[in-house]
Amino acid sequence: MKQNRMPEAVAPLYDVVSRLKRMFFDKAYPLAAPLSQSPFFIIGSGRCGSTLLRRMLQVNPDVHIPPESYVLGEVGRLFMRNRQMDWHHLVNLVLSTFEYQREFDKFEMDMRGLVHQLWDLPEQERSLAVMLDSLYRFHGQQTGQKFTIWGDKTPENTFELDMLIRIFPQAKFVHLLRDGVDVAASFVSRGLIDDMLTAAKHWQTSVLLSRDFIQQYPKQCIEVRYEDLVAAPEQNLQGLCDFLNIPFQPAMIESLQHVQDMGDLNAYTHYEKVLEPVSTSNIGLGRSSLSEQDKQIIQEHIGATLSQMGYSL
């Protein structure tokens, strides 16, 4: 039997009309929704010690923090542009964005079961927040963990804070702050950023965005200094656990038994220090290696921000 097919020239117009119909007449799925337990996000510049903090918190059986995701902001914008789409297609769009990001292999998970779980959600439970909450919890289940609260420690989320608070209005945020000189030097020495100026400005932008966000949402944010964390880990972890409403456990400081199961820690050489006991040996390490030219660059471009954050020039 000969099938009736839409003329090729008409197809783009049909797509536009269909999208307009969805925009004006179909239900738009919400970004946010009530969750049984709101997540937390570790924010700040890369090379600030966030992977070490993830290693510490992951020891706690109440916490799950997967490898870095990189796409939460992109997912939020995609969802907003397409939230009148058929729910099955919207689930596919969001999850495929995660699956095809450059580091998803570190998640070591098969999402087919999650897809069907989300497809079958009752109409009143459908939202981006529930979709993402289900994804993070599904990852924890697939890696054999039982937990109550999940977190994310992707430094790039620092540039997506406005989107994150829209999706998770009750989320908590941990700003991990580290000396910008040591951070910039680490970026360059590890080959993650090519030049000192770019590295220094990246740190500056990250910490200023984080501080501005903290001023807007002070009750949902806490700031922890890397230097304090490694010098007095028990005191600082206890304060952080109180903020996150999870119990402090002494094993969080020194335990390394779980690092083989954390997906990405053994995949990159720039994480090698995280596999060692907590130490103050990296404090000032970048400063001691700077050339006179690098010192001049840092002084000129981020000197004022260093002083503002309480670090010497």
C-alpha atoms as a PDB file:
ATOM      1  CA  MET A   1       0.000   0.000   0.000  1.00  0.00           C
ATOM      2  CA  LYS A   2       1.318   3.421  -0.911  1.00  0.00           C
ATOM      3  CA  GLN A   3       1.879   5.608   2.171  1.00  0.00           C
ATOM      4  CA  ASN A   4       0.921   9.283   2.283  1.00  0.00           C
ATOM      5  CA  ARG A   5       4.058  11.263   2.954  1.00  0.00           C
ATOM      6  CA  MET A   6       4.408  14.910   3.775  1.00  0.00           C
ATOM      7  CA  PRO A   7       6.002  16.907   0.932  1.00  0.00           C
ATOM      8  CA  GLU A   8       9.595  17.715   1.826  1.00  0.00           C
ATOM      9  CA  ALA A   9       9.069  21.449   1.298  1.00  0.00           C
ATOM     10  CA  VAL A  10       6.208  21.503   3.821  1.00  0.00           C
ATOM     11  CA  ALA A  11       8.058  19.686   6.611  1.00  0.00           C
ATOM     12  CA  PRO A  12       9.862  22.784   8.056  1.00  0.00           C
ATOM     13  CA  LEU A  13       6.574  24.713   8.202  1.00  0.00           C
ATOM     14  CA  TYR A  14       4.891  21.769   9.903  1.00  0.00           C
ATOM     15  CA  ASP A  15       7.650  21.710  12.521  1.00  0.00           C
ATOM     16  CA  VAL A  16       7.197  25.432  13.225  1.00  0.00           C
ATOM     17  CA  VAL A  17       3.407  25.091  13.546  1.00  0.00           C
ATOM     18  CA  SER A  18       3.802  22.061  15.809  1.00  0.00           C
ATOM     19  CA  ARG A  19       6.215  23.929  18.069  1.00  0.00           C
ATOM     20  CA  LEU A  20       3.881  26.950  18.248  1.00  0.00           C
ATOM     21  CA  LYS A  21       0.972  24.668  19.130  1.00  0.00           C
ATOM     22  CA  ARG A  22       2.978  23.117  21.967  1.00  0.00           C
ATOM     23  CA  MET A  23       4.058  26.560  23.207  1.00  0.00           C
ATOM     24  CA  PHE A  24       0.545  27.989  23.405  1.00  0.00           C
ATOM     25  CA  PHE A  25      -1.727  25.005  24.030  1.00  0.00           C
ATOM     26  CA  ASP A  26       0.246  22.128  25.537  1.00  0.00           C
ATOM     27  CA  LYS A  27       1.443  21.783  29.132  1.00  0.00           C
ATOM     28  CA  ALA A  28       4.945  23.023  29.896  1.00  0.00           C
ATOM     29  CA  TYR A  29       6.759  20.772  32.318  1.00  0.00           C
ATOM     30  CA  PRO A  30       8.313  22.686  35.256  1.00  0.00           C
ATOM     31  CA  LEU A  31      11.990  23.045  36.071  1.00  0.00           C
ATOM     32  CA  ALA A  32      11.644  22.667  39.843  1.00  0.00           C
ATOM     33  CA  ALA A  33       9.635  20.290  42.000  1.00  0.00           C
ATOM     34  CA  PRO A  34       9.609  19.206  45.664  1.00  0.00           C
ATOM     35  CA  LEU A  35      12.201  16.524  46.401  1.00  0.00           C
ATOM     36  CA  SER A  36      12.522  14.226  49.387  1.00  0.00           C
ATOM     37  CA  GLN A  37      16.086  15.490  49.867  1.00  0.00           C
ATOM     38  CA  SER A  38      17.603  18.506  48.100  1.00  0.00           C
ATOM     39  CA  PRO A  39      21.146  18.101  46.686  1.00  0.00           C
ATOM     40  CA  PHE A  40      24.269  20.141  47.305  1.00  0.00           C
ATOM     41  CA  PHE A  41      26.865  21.532  44.915  1.00  0.00           C
ATOM     42  CA  ILE A  42      30.572  22.092  45.517  1.00  0.00           C
ATOM     43  CA  ILE A  43      31.479  25.239  43.593  1.00  0.00           C
ATOM     44  CA  GLY A  44      34.566  27.377  42.982  1.00  0.00           C
ATOM     45  CA  SER A  45      37.519  27.306  40.655  1.00  0.00           C
ATOM     46  CA  GLY A  46      39.045  24.099  39.381  1.00  0.00           C
ATOM     47  CA  ARG A  47      42.245  23.020  41.159  1.00  0.00           C
ATOM     48  CA  CYS A  48      40.801  24.297  44.445  1.00  0.00           C
ATOM     49  CA  GLY A  49      40.670  20.900  46.149  1.00  0.00           C
ATOM     50  CA  SER A  50      37.092  19.951  45.262  1.00  0.00           C
ATOM     51  CA  THR A  51      38.082  16.404  44.294  1.00  0.00           C
ATOM     52  CA  LEU A  52      39.752  15.947  47.681  1.00  0.00           C
ATOM     53  CA  LEU A  53      36.589  17.188  49.365  1.00  0.00           C
ATOM     54  CA  ARG A  54      34.539  14.795  47.234  1.00  0.00           C
ATOM     55  CA  ARG A  55      36.813  11.950  48.336  1.00  0.00           C
ATOM     56  CA  MET A  56      36.248  12.884  51.983  1.00  0.00           C
ATOM     57  CA  LEU A  57      32.476  13.263  51.768  1.00  0.00           C
ATOM     58  CA  GLN A  58      32.050  10.100  49.704  1.00  0.00           C
ATOM     59  CA  VAL A  59      33.234   8.054  52.686  1.00  0.00           C
ATOM     60  CA  ASN A  60      30.022   9.014  54.460  1.00  0.00           C
ATOM     61  CA  PRO A  61      27.347   6.395  53.681  1.00  0.00           C
ATOM     62  CA  ASP A  62      24.703   9.146  53.611  1.00  0.00           C
ATOM     63  CA  VAL A  63      26.384  10.903  50.652  1.00  0.00           C
ATOM     64  CA  HIS A  64      26.851  10.137  46.976  1.00  0.00           C
ATOM     65  CA  ILE A  65      28.871  12.361  44.611  1.00  0.00           C
ATOM     66  CA  PRO A  66      29.398  10.984  41.072  1.00  0.00           C
ATOM     67  CA  PRO A  67      32.133  12.063  38.644  1.00  0.00           C
ATOM     68  CA  GLU A  68      31.899  15.511  37.073  1.00  0.00           C
ATOM     69  CA  SER A  69      28.904  16.026  34.797  1.00  0.00           C
ATOM     70  CA  TYR A  70      29.717  19.222  32.795  1.00  0.00           C
ATOM     71  CA  VAL A  71      26.228  19.596  31.263  1.00  0.00           C
ATOM     72  CA  LEU A  72      23.780  20.705  33.966  1.00  0.00           C
ATOM     73  CA  GLY A  73      23.550  24.252  32.616  1.00  0.00           C
ATOM     74  CA  GLU A  74      23.142  23.034  29.052  1.00  0.00           C
ATOM     75  CA  VAL A  75      20.478  20.564  30.154  1.00  0.00           C
ATOM     76  CA  GLY A  76      18.572  23.327  31.933  1.00  0.00           C
ATOM     77  CA  ARG A  77      18.531  25.516  28.829  1.00  0.00           C
ATOM     78  CA  LEU A  78      17.528  22.603  26.588  1.00  0.00           C
ATOM     79  CA  PHE A  79      14.693  21.708  28.916  1.00  0.00           C
ATOM     80  CA  MET A  80      13.411  25.295  29.023  1.00  0.00           C
ATOM     81  CA  ARG A  81      13.347  25.532  25.226  1.00  0.00           C
ATOM     82  CA  ASN A  82      11.565  22.208  24.812  1.00  0.00           C
ATOM     83  CA  ARG A  83       9.431  21.682  27.902  1.00  0.00           C
ATOM     84  CA  GLN A  84       6.216  21.475  25.926  1.00  0.00           C
ATOM     85  CA  MET A  85       7.661  18.450  24.095  1.00  0.00           C
ATOM     86  CA  ASP A  86       6.206  14.999  24.528  1.00  0.00           C
ATOM     87  CA  TRP A  87       7.540  13.706  27.877  1.00  0.00           C
ATOM     88  CA  HIS A  88       9.166  10.599  26.367  1.00  0.00           C
ATOM     89  CA  HIS A  89      11.069  12.743  23.875  1.00  0.00           C
ATOM     90  CA  LEU A  90      12.063  15.205  26.592  1.00  0.00           C
ATOM     91  CA  VAL A  91      13.489  12.402  28.727  1.00  0.00           C
ATOM     92  CA  ASN A  92      15.467  11.148  25.735  1.00  0.00           C
ATOM     93  CA  LEU A  93      16.783  14.646  25.006  1.00  0.00           C
ATOM     94  CA  VAL A  94      18.004  15.277  28.559  1.00  0.00           C
ATOM     95  CA  LEU A  95      19.550  11.868  29.149  1.00  0.00           C
ATOM     96  CA  SER A  96      21.266  11.779  25.762  1.00  0.00           C
ATOM     97  CA  THR A  97      22.857  15.145  26.565  1.00  0.00           C
ATOM     98  CA  PHE A  98      24.392  13.541  29.643  1.00  0.00           C
ATOM     99  CA  GLU A  99      25.359  10.346  27.868  1.00  0.00           C
ATOM    100  CA  TYR A 100      27.176  12.078  25.028  1.00  0.00           C
ATOM    101  CA  GLN A 101      29.177  14.528  27.133  1.00  0.00           C
ATOM    102  CA  ARG A 102      32.910  13.957  26.911  1.00  0.00           C
ATOM    103  CA  GLU A 103      33.453  12.295  30.306  1.00  0.00           C
ATOM    104  CA  PHE A 104      30.319  10.214  30.708  1.00  0.00           C
ATOM    105  CA  ASP A 105      32.280   6.966  30.475  1.00  0.00           C
ATOM    106  CA  LYS A 106      33.563   7.733  33.992  1.00  0.00           C
ATOM    107  CA  PHE A 107      30.004   7.300  35.257  1.00  0.00           C
ATOM    108  CA  GLU A 108      30.190   3.606  34.330  1.00  0.00           C
ATOM    109  CA  MET A 109      26.419   3.258  34.076  1.00  0.00           C
ATOM    110  CA  ASP A 110      23.794   2.018  31.638  1.00  0.00           C
ATOM    111  CA  MET A 111      20.819   4.395  31.568  1.00  0.00           C
ATOM    112  CA  ARG A 112      18.281   2.177  29.797  1.00  0.00           C
ATOM    113  CA  GLY A 113      16.587   1.233  33.044  1.00  0.00           C
ATOM    114  CA  LEU A 114      16.433   4.881  34.051  1.00  0.00           C
ATOM    115  CA  VAL A 115      14.821   5.863  30.743  1.00  0.00           C
ATOM    116  CA  HIS A 116      11.886   3.513  31.295  1.00  0.00           C
ATOM    117  CA  GLN A 117      11.610   4.566  34.935  1.00  0.00           C
ATOM    118  CA  LEU A 118      11.274   8.220  33.885  1.00  0.00           C
ATOM    119  CA  TRP A 119       8.909   7.475  30.991  1.00  0.00           C
ATOM    120  CA  ASP A 120       6.532   5.875  33.474  1.00  0.00           C
ATOM    121  CA  LEU A 121       6.469   8.785  35.942  1.00  0.00           C
ATOM    122  CA  PRO A 122       2.952   9.990  36.783  1.00  0.00           C
ATOM    123  CA  GLU A 123       2.048  13.227  35.042  1.00  0.00           C
ATOM    124  CA  GLN A 124       2.082  15.273  38.250  1.00  0.00           C
ATOM    125  CA  GLU A 125       5.662  14.186  39.107  1.00  0.00           C
ATOM    126  CA  ARG A 126       7.268  15.176  35.824  1.00  0.00           C
ATOM    127  CA  SER A 127       9.884  17.944  36.032  1.00  0.00           C
ATOM    128  CA  LEU A 128      13.556  18.511  35.304  1.00  0.00           C
ATOM    129  CA  ALA A 129      14.398  18.421  39.014  1.00  0.00           C
ATOM    130  CA  VAL A 130      12.846  14.963  39.384  1.00  0.00           C
ATOM    131  CA  MET A 131      14.564  13.800  36.198  1.00  0.00           C
ATOM    132  CA  LEU A 132      18.004  14.885  37.446  1.00  0.00           C
ATOM    133  CA  ASP A 133      17.381  13.639  40.971  1.00  0.00           C
ATOM    134  CA  SER A 134      16.460  10.253  39.519  1.00  0.00           C
ATOM    135  CA  LEU A 135      19.598  10.214  37.366  1.00  0.00           C
ATOM    136  CA  TYR A 136      21.960  10.871  40.285  1.00  0.00           C
ATOM    137  CA  ARG A 137      20.162   8.361  42.489  1.00  0.00           C
ATOM    138  CA  PHE A 138      20.145   5.764  39.712  1.00  0.00           C
ATOM    139  CA  HIS A 139      23.914   6.182  39.371  1.00  0.00           C
ATOM    140  CA  GLY A 140      24.392   5.591  43.070  1.00  0.00           C
ATOM    141  CA  GLN A 141      22.223   2.479  42.945  1.00  0.00           C
ATOM    142  CA  GLN A 142      24.117   1.105  39.952  1.00  0.00           C
ATOM    143  CA  THR A 143      27.406   1.557  41.800  1.00  0.00           C
ATOM    144  CA  GLY A 144      26.035  -0.281  44.839  1.00  0.00           C
ATOM    145  CA  GLN A 145      25.608   2.652  47.218  1.00  0.00           C
ATOM    146  CA  LYS A 146      22.884   3.469  49.721  1.00  0.00           C
ATOM    147  CA  PHE A 147      22.603   7.149  50.569  1.00  0.00           C
ATOM    148  CA  THR A 148      20.167   9.915  51.441  1.00  0.00           C
ATOM    149  CA  ILE A 149      21.709  12.972  49.792  1.00  0.00           C
ATOM    150  CA  TRP A 150      23.609  13.425  46.535  1.00  0.00           C
ATOM    151  CA  GLY A 151      25.981  16.161  45.535  1.00  0.00           C
ATOM    152  CA  ASP A 152      27.862  17.395  42.498  1.00  0.00           C
ATOM    153  CA  LYS A 153      31.375  18.814  42.426  1.00  0.00           C
ATOM    154  CA  THR A 154      31.785  20.010  38.838  1.00  0.00           C
ATOM    155  CA  PRO A 155      33.720  23.333  38.923  1.00  0.00           C
ATOM    156  CA  GLU A 156      32.036  24.455  35.686  1.00  0.00           C
ATOM    157  CA  ASN A 157      28.757  24.617  37.621  1.00  0.00           C
ATOM    158  CA  THR A 158      30.109  27.838  39.129  1.00  0.00           C
ATOM    159  CA  PHE A 159      29.162  29.472  35.828  1.00  0.00           C
ATOM    160  CA  GLU A 160      25.646  27.969  35.977  1.00  0.00           C
ATOM    161  CA  LEU A 161      24.547  28.969  39.471  1.00  0.00           C
ATOM    162  CA  ASP A 162      21.476  30.916  38.353  1.00  0.00           C
ATOM    163  CA  MET A 163      20.238  27.862  36.487  1.00  0.00           C
ATOM    164  CA  LEU A 164      20.975  25.461  39.356  1.00  0.00           C
ATOM    165  CA  ILE A 165      19.033  27.510  41.894  1.00  0.00           C
ATOM    166  CA  ARG A 166      16.055  27.617  39.506  1.00  0.00           C
ATOM    167  CA  ILE A 167      16.056  23.827  39.169  1.00  0.00           C
ATOM    168  CA  PHE A 168      16.819  23.131  42.850  1.00  0.00           C
ATOM    169  CA  PRO A 169      15.561  26.115  44.891  1.00  0.00           C
ATOM    170  CA  GLN A 170      16.377  24.386  48.197  1.00  0.00           C
ATOM    171  CA  ALA A 171      19.858  23.162  47.228  1.00  0.00           C
ATOM    172  CA  LYS A 172      22.916  23.926  49.332  1.00  0.00           C
ATOM    173  CA  PHE A 173      26.200  25.221  47.960  1.00  0.00           C
ATOM    174  CA  VAL A 174      29.730  24.737  49.271  1.00  0.00           C
ATOM    175  CA  HIS A 175      32.235  27.276  47.963  1.00  0.00           C
ATOM    176  CA  LEU A 176      35.703  25.788  48.269  1.00  0.00           C
ATOM    177  CA  LEU A 177      38.135  28.711  48.164  1.00  0.00           C
ATOM    178  CA  ARG A 178      41.871  28.343  47.578  1.00  0.00           C
ATOM    179  CA  ASP A 179      44.758  30.758  47.113  1.00  0.00           C
ATOM    180  CA  GLY A 180      44.483  31.995  43.522  1.00  0.00           C
ATOM    181  CA  VAL A 181      48.254  31.924  43.070  1.00  0.00           C
ATOM    182  CA  ASP A 182      48.461  28.225  43.878  1.00  0.00           C
ATOM    183  CA  VAL A 183      45.389  27.550  41.719  1.00  0.00           C
ATOM    184  CA  ALA A 184      46.736  29.390  38.672  1.00  0.00           C
ATOM    185  CA  ALA A 185      50.142  27.753  38.998  1.00  0.00           C
ATOM    186  CA  SER A 186      48.515  24.322  39.276  1.00  0.00           C
ATOM    187  CA  PHE A 187      46.387  24.911  36.162  1.00  0.00           C
ATOM    188  CA  VAL A 188      49.489  25.777  34.142  1.00  0.00           C
ATOM    189  CA  SER A 189      51.840  23.142  35.544  1.00  0.00           C
ATOM    190  CA  ARG A 190      49.270  20.394  34.923  1.00  0.00           C
ATOM    191  CA  GLY A 191      48.712  21.553  31.348  1.00  0.00           C
ATOM    192  CA  LEU A 192      45.029  22.279  31.975  1.00  0.00           C
ATOM    193  CA  ILE A 193      45.376  25.959  31.001  1.00  0.00           C
ATOM    194  CA  ASP A 194      48.155  27.176  28.735  1.00  0.00           C
ATOM    195  CA  ASP A 195      49.184  30.495  30.283  1.00  0.00           C
ATOM    196  CA  MET A 196      49.298  32.154  33.676  1.00  0.00           C
ATOM    197  CA  LEU A 197      47.107  35.121  32.756  1.00  0.00           C
ATOM    198  CA  THR A 198      44.207  32.944  31.577  1.00  0.00           C
ATOM    199  CA  ALA A 199      44.545  30.711  34.632  1.00  0.00           C
ATOM    200  CA  ALA A 200      44.594  33.648  37.035  1.00  0.00           C
ATOM    201  CA  LYS A 201      41.559  35.283  35.448  1.00  0.00           C
ATOM    202  CA  HIS A 202      39.679  31.972  35.505  1.00  0.00           C
ATOM    203  CA  TRP A 203      40.231  31.737  39.265  1.00  0.00           C
ATOM    204  CA  GLN A 204      39.193  35.349  39.715  1.00  0.00           C
ATOM    205  CA  THR A 205      35.960  34.972  37.744  1.00  0.00           C
ATOM    206  CA  SER A 206      35.059  31.768  39.597  1.00  0.00           C
ATOM    207  CA  VAL A 207      35.527  33.167  43.092  1.00  0.00           C
ATOM    208  CA  LEU A 208      33.754  36.451  42.337  1.00  0.00           C
ATOM    209  CA  LEU A 209      30.760  34.599  40.892  1.00  0.00           C
ATOM    210  CA  SER A 210      30.700  32.349  43.955  1.00  0.00           C
ATOM    211  CA  ARG A 211      30.922  35.259  46.398  1.00  0.00           C
ATOM    212  CA  ASP A 212      28.151  37.136  44.585  1.00  0.00           C
ATOM    213  CA  PHE A 213      25.941  34.045  44.748  1.00  0.00           C
ATOM    214  CA  ILE A 214      26.658  33.615  48.472  1.00  0.00           C
ATOM    215  CA  GLN A 215      25.496  37.185  49.081  1.00  0.00           C
ATOM    216  CA  GLN A 216      22.213  36.403  47.305  1.00  0.00           C
ATOM    217  CA  TYR A 217      21.586  33.103  49.120  1.00  0.00           C
ATOM    218  CA  PRO A 218      23.536  33.283  52.402  1.00  0.00           C
ATOM    219  CA  LYS A 219      21.439  30.674  54.251  1.00  0.00           C
ATOM    220  CA  GLN A 220      22.030  28.080  51.543  1.00  0.00           C
ATOM    221  CA  CYS A 221      25.778  28.600  51.191  1.00  0.00           C
ATOM    222  CA  ILE A 222      28.926  27.932  53.151  1.00  0.00           C
ATOM    223  CA  GLU A 223      32.522  28.819  52.310  1.00  0.00           C
ATOM    224  CA  VAL A 224      35.416  26.527  53.196  1.00  0.00           C
ATOM    225  CA  ARG A 225      39.052  27.436  52.623  1.00  0.00           C
ATOM    226  CA  TYR A 226      41.223  24.687  51.196  1.00  0.00           C
ATOM    227  CA  GLU A 227      44.097  25.745  53.439  1.00  0.00           C
ATOM    228  CA  ASP A 228      41.909  25.371  56.542  1.00  0.00           C
ATOM    229  CA  LEU A 229      40.470  22.071  55.339  1.00  0.00           C
ATOM    230  CA  VAL A 230      43.866  20.372  55.004  1.00  0.00           C
ATOM    231  CA  ALA A 231      45.364  22.013  58.093  1.00  0.00           C
ATOM    232  CA  ALA A 232      42.437  21.223  60.413  1.00  0.00           C
ATOM    233  CA  PRO A 233      40.331  18.638  58.550  1.00  0.00           C
ATOM    234  CA  GLU A 234      38.305  17.369  61.504  1.00  0.00           C
ATOM    235  CA  GLN A 235      37.152  20.818  62.601  1.00  0.00           C
ATOM    236  CA  ASN A 236      36.266  21.952  59.088  1.00  0.00           C
ATOM    237  CA  LEU A 237      34.575  18.710  58.068  1.00  0.00           C
ATOM    238  CA  GLN A 238      32.471  18.759  61.208  1.00  0.00           C
ATOM    239  CA  GLY A 239      31.254  22.257  60.377  1.00  0.00           C
ATOM    240  CA  LEU A 240      30.511  21.231  56.793  1.00  0.00           C
ATOM    241  CA  CYS A 241      28.660  18.088  57.853  1.00  0.00           C
ATOM    242  CA  ASP A 242      26.538  20.163  60.233  1.00  0.00           C
ATOM    243  CA  PHE A 243      25.678  22.472  57.345  1.00  0.00           C
ATOM    244  CA  LEU A 244      24.708  19.506  55.131  1.00  0.00           C
ATOM    245  CA  ASN A 245      22.835  17.772  57.987  1.00  0.00           C
ATOM    246  CA  ILE A 246      24.903  14.612  57.757  1.00  0.00           C
ATOM    247  CA  PRO A 247      26.896  12.923  60.538  1.00  0.00           C
ATOM    248  CA  PHE A 248      30.640  13.503  60.709  1.00  0.00           C
ATOM    249  CA  GLN A 249      32.779  10.374  60.678  1.00  0.00           C
ATOM    250  CA  PRO A 250      36.542  10.432  61.462  1.00  0.00           C
ATOM    251  CA  ALA A 251      37.149   7.987  58.582  1.00  0.00           C
ATOM    252  CA  MET A 252      36.246  10.786  56.165  1.00  0.00           C
ATOM    253  CA  ILE A 253      39.670  12.332  56.739  1.00  0.00           C
ATOM    254  CA  GLU A 254      42.026   9.485  55.958  1.00  0.00           C
ATOM    255  CA  SER A 255      40.089   6.648  54.312  1.00  0.00           C
ATOM    256  CA  LEU A 256      41.264   5.712  50.822  1.00  0.00           C
ATOM    257  CA  GLN A 257      39.552   2.328  50.509  1.00  0.00           C
ATOM    258  CA  HIS A 258      36.772   3.678  48.312  1.00  0.00           C
ATOM    259  CA  VAL A 259      38.772   5.630  45.721  1.00  0.00           C
ATOM    260  CA  GLN A 260      38.882   2.725  43.243  1.00  0.00           C
ATOM    261  CA  ASP A 261      35.098   2.930  42.995  1.00  0.00           C
ATOM    262  CA  MET A 262      34.834   6.674  42.358  1.00  0.00           C
ATOM    263  CA  GLY A 263      34.995   6.437  38.565  1.00  0.00           C
ATOM    264  CA  ASP A 264      37.466   9.138  37.599  1.00  0.00           C
ATOM    265  CA  LEU A 265      40.126   9.395  40.315  1.00  0.00           C
ATOM    266  CA  ASN A 266      42.458   6.887  38.695  1.00  0.00           C
ATOM    267  CA  ALA A 267      41.839   8.153  35.158  1.00  0.00           C
ATOM    268  CA  TYR A 268      43.824  11.410  35.286  1.00  0.00           C
ATOM    269  CA  THR A 269      47.282  12.303  36.494  1.00  0.00           C
ATOM    270  CA  HIS A 270      46.068  15.675  37.829  1.00  0.00           C
ATOM    271  CA  TYR A 271      44.131  13.754  40.509  1.00  0.00           C
ATOM    272  CA  GLU A 272      47.144  11.843  41.785  1.00  0.00           C
ATOM    273  CA  LYS A 273      47.481  13.957  44.959  1.00  0.00           C
ATOM    274  CA  VAL A 274      43.901  13.072  45.899  1.00  0.00           C
ATOM    275  CA  LEU A 275      45.010   9.461  46.272  1.00  0.00           C
ATOM    276  CA  GLU A 276      47.408  10.470  49.070  1.00  0.00           C
ATOM    277  CA  PRO A 277      46.694  11.227  52.753  1.00  0.00           C
ATOM    278  CA  VAL A 278      45.460  14.720  53.620  1.00  0.00           C
ATOM    279  CA  SER A 279      48.447  17.055  53.840  1.00  0.00           C
ATOM    280  CA  THR A 280      49.385  20.737  53.934  1.00  0.00           C
ATOM    281  CA  SER A 281      52.278  20.125  51.521  1.00  0.00           C
ATOM    282  CA  ASN A 282      50.491  21.812  48.598  1.00  0.00           C
ATOM    283  CA  ILE A 283      49.864  25.080  50.428  1.00  0.00           C
ATOM    284  CA  GLY A 284      52.123  27.686  48.827  1.00  0.00           C
ATOM    285  CA  LEU A 285      53.536  25.189  46.335  1.00  0.00           C
ATOM    286  CA  GLY A 286      52.486  27.285  43.355  1.00  0.00           C
ATOM    287  CA  ARG A 287      53.773  30.485  44.889  1.00  0.00           C
ATOM    288  CA  SER A 288      57.236  29.019  45.375  1.00  0.00           C
ATOM    289  CA  SER A 289      57.492  28.060  41.686  1.00  0.00           C
ATOM    290  CA  LEU A 290      56.534  31.381  40.098  1.00  0.00           C
ATOM    291  CA  SER A 291      58.879  33.271  37.810  1.00  0.00           C
ATOM    292  CA  GLU A 292      59.224  37.030  38.183  1.00  0.00           C
ATOM    293  CA  GLN A 293      57.129  37.472  35.049  1.00  0.00           C
ATOM    294  CA  ASP A 294      54.343  35.299  36.476  1.00  0.00           C
ATOM    295  CA  LYS A 295      54.434  37.251  39.736  1.00  0.00           C
ATOM    296  CA  GLN A 296      54.022  40.483  37.825  1.00  0.00           C
ATOM    297  CA  ILE A 297      51.082  39.080  35.827  1.00  0.00           C
ATOM    298  CA  ILE A 298      49.298  37.895  38.963  1.00  0.00           C
ATOM    299  CA  GLN A 299      49.978  41.099  40.873  1.00  0.00           C
ATOM    300  CA  GLU A 300      48.653  43.241  38.046  1.00  0.00           C
ATOM    301  CA  HIS A 301      45.553  41.259  37.120  1.00  0.00           C
ATOM    302  CA  ILE A 302      44.248  39.546  40.273  1.00  0.00           C
ATOM    303  CA  GLY A 303      46.135  41.264  43.082  1.00  0.00           C
ATOM    304  CA  ALA A 304      43.072  43.150  44.285  1.00  0.00           C
ATOM    305  CA  THR A 305      40.930  39.988  44.314  1.00  0.00           C
ATOM    306  CA  LEU A 306      43.625  38.061  46.197  1.00  0.00           C
ATOM    307  CA  SER A 307      43.586  40.732  48.893  1.00  0.00           C
ATOM    308  CA  GLN A 308      39.785  40.760  48.940  1.00  0.00           C
ATOM    309  CA  MET A 309      39.782  36.995  49.534  1.00  0.00           C
ATOM    310  CA  GLY A 310      42.330  37.289  52.324  1.00  0.00           C
ATOM    311  CA  TYR A 311      45.430  36.072  50.482  1.00  0.00           C
ATOM    312  CA  SER A 312      48.711  37.950  50.460  1.00  0.00           C
ATOM    313  CA  LEU A 313      50.183  39.359  47.265  1.00  0.00           C
END
